[in-house]
Amino acid sequence: MASTINFTRINNDVNGNPRYVCHFLNLVKDSDFKFGTRDMSDSEAIRYIHNMSKTEYGYKLALKRAKTIGGRKYHTKSYGGGIVFQSYNIADLEKSILELTK
């Protein structure tokens, strides 16, 4: 694989399924933050209209991508910027994340 994602094991959900957290930067690309100088792209327009910082924009974009494969926002202070996944197979989850960020 081109890169590896560091997952942190957290407590199981209420049904006993294993959960893992990764940082949101694993779900964004460098090109997501590069905006054109002449014509404003859709993502740049959204960012300026809503007055978002690059970090806030990146987190919202990562969360949107994560939701397509079952990810959710991780709501604790112990792991800021985390996205949680319920998974029995971390290798497939990592493969899915890397496919999203191609």
Protein backbone atom coordinates (compact mmCIF):
# COMPACT_ATOMS: atom_id res chain seq x y z
CA MET A 1 0.00 0.00 0.00
CA ALA A 2 1.10 3.54 -0.65
CA SER A 3 0.51 4.72 2.90
CA THR A 4 -0.73 3.31 6.14
CA ILE A 5 -3.38 4.73 8.39
CA ASN A 6 -2.96 4.65 12.16
CA PHE A 7 -6.16 3.46 13.79
CA THR A 8 -6.81 3.72 17.51
CA ARG A 9 -9.00 1.04 19.08
CA ILE A 10 -11.73 2.45 21.30
CA ASN A 11 -14.52 0.88 23.34
CA ASN A 12 -17.05 -1.31 21.55
CA ASP A 13 -20.43 0.08 20.63
CA VAL A 14 -23.55 -0.92 22.60
CA ASN A 15 -23.91 -4.09 20.51
CA GLY A 16 -20.33 -5.21 21.12
CA ASN A 17 -18.99 -4.34 17.68
CA PRO A 18 -15.37 -3.12 17.55
CA ARG A 19 -14.74 0.55 16.78
CA TYR A 20 -11.65 2.32 15.50
CA VAL A 21 -10.77 6.01 15.19
CA CYS A 22 -8.46 7.66 12.67
CA HIS A 23 -7.55 11.30 12.14
CA PHE A 24 -9.52 13.25 9.56
CA LEU A 25 -6.38 14.14 7.60
CA ASN A 26 -6.28 10.54 6.39
CA LEU A 27 -9.44 11.29 4.37
CA VAL A 28 -8.33 14.48 2.61
CA LYS A 29 -5.84 15.08 -0.19
CA ASP A 30 -3.41 17.94 -0.64
CA SER A 31 -5.24 18.90 -3.81
CA ASP A 32 -8.41 19.52 -1.75
CA PHE A 33 -6.77 22.62 -0.30
CA LYS A 34 -5.33 24.04 -3.53
CA PHE A 35 -7.67 26.55 -5.05
CA GLY A 36 -7.42 28.15 -8.48
CA THR A 37 -6.22 31.70 -8.84
CA ARG A 38 -8.37 32.76 -11.79
CA ASP A 39 -11.72 31.00 -11.51
CA MET A 40 -13.10 30.19 -8.11
CA SER A 41 -13.90 26.49 -7.84
CA ASP A 42 -17.04 25.24 -6.11
CA SER A 43 -15.15 24.16 -3.01
CA GLU A 44 -13.38 27.51 -2.77
CA ALA A 45 -16.66 29.38 -3.16
CA ILE A 46 -18.25 27.30 -0.42
CA ARG A 47 -15.30 27.93 1.86
CA TYR A 48 -15.40 31.71 1.34
CA ILE A 49 -19.17 32.00 1.54
CA HIS A 50 -19.28 30.21 4.89
CA ASN A 51 -16.04 31.84 6.09
CA MET A 52 -14.42 28.52 7.03
CA SER A 53 -10.81 28.00 7.95
CA LYS A 54 -8.86 25.40 5.99
CA THR A 55 -9.02 23.03 8.96
CA GLU A 56 -12.77 23.34 9.34
CA TYR A 57 -13.26 22.90 5.59
CA GLY A 58 -10.97 19.86 5.57
CA TYR A 59 -12.79 18.25 8.50
CA LYS A 60 -16.21 18.74 6.91
CA LEU A 61 -14.95 17.32 3.62
CA ALA A 62 -13.36 14.33 5.38
CA LEU A 63 -16.55 13.68 7.35
CA LYS A 64 -18.63 13.80 4.17
CA ARG A 65 -16.32 11.23 2.55
CA ALA A 66 -16.23 9.05 5.66
CA LYS A 67 -20.01 8.87 5.84
CA THR A 68 -20.06 7.16 2.45
CA ILE A 69 -18.22 4.18 3.98
CA GLY A 70 -19.87 4.21 7.42
CA GLY A 71 -17.72 6.74 9.29
CA ARG A 72 -19.06 9.10 11.91
CA LYS A 73 -17.81 12.11 13.83
CA TYR A 74 -15.97 11.16 17.02
CA HIS A 75 -17.31 13.38 19.81
CA THR A 76 -14.67 13.16 22.54
CA LYS A 77 -12.01 15.57 23.68
CA SER A 78 -9.41 12.82 23.94
CA TYR A 79 -9.06 12.50 20.15
CA GLY A 80 -9.70 15.81 18.43
CA GLY A 81 -10.41 15.64 14.71
CA GLY A 82 -11.27 11.97 14.83
CA ILE A 83 -13.59 9.93 12.68
CA VAL A 84 -14.88 6.65 14.07
CA PHE A 85 -15.59 3.48 12.11
CA GLN A 86 -17.24 0.25 13.18
CA SER A 87 -15.25 -2.53 11.59
CA TYR A 88 -14.15 -6.12 12.00
CA ASN A 89 -11.66 -5.83 9.14
CA ILE A 90 -9.22 -2.91 9.38
CA ALA A 91 -7.39 -3.87 6.17
CA ASP A 92 -10.57 -3.47 4.09
CA LEU A 93 -11.42 -0.24 5.89
CA GLU A 94 -7.98 1.16 5.12
CA LYS A 95 -8.34 0.08 1.50
CA SER A 96 -11.71 1.87 1.26
CA ILE A 97 -10.25 5.06 2.74
CA LEU A 98 -7.32 5.03 0.34
CA GLU A 99 -9.72 4.55 -2.60
CA LEU A 100 -11.71 7.59 -1.46
CA THR A 101 -8.60 9.76 -1.44
CA LYS A 102 -7.25 8.82 -4.88
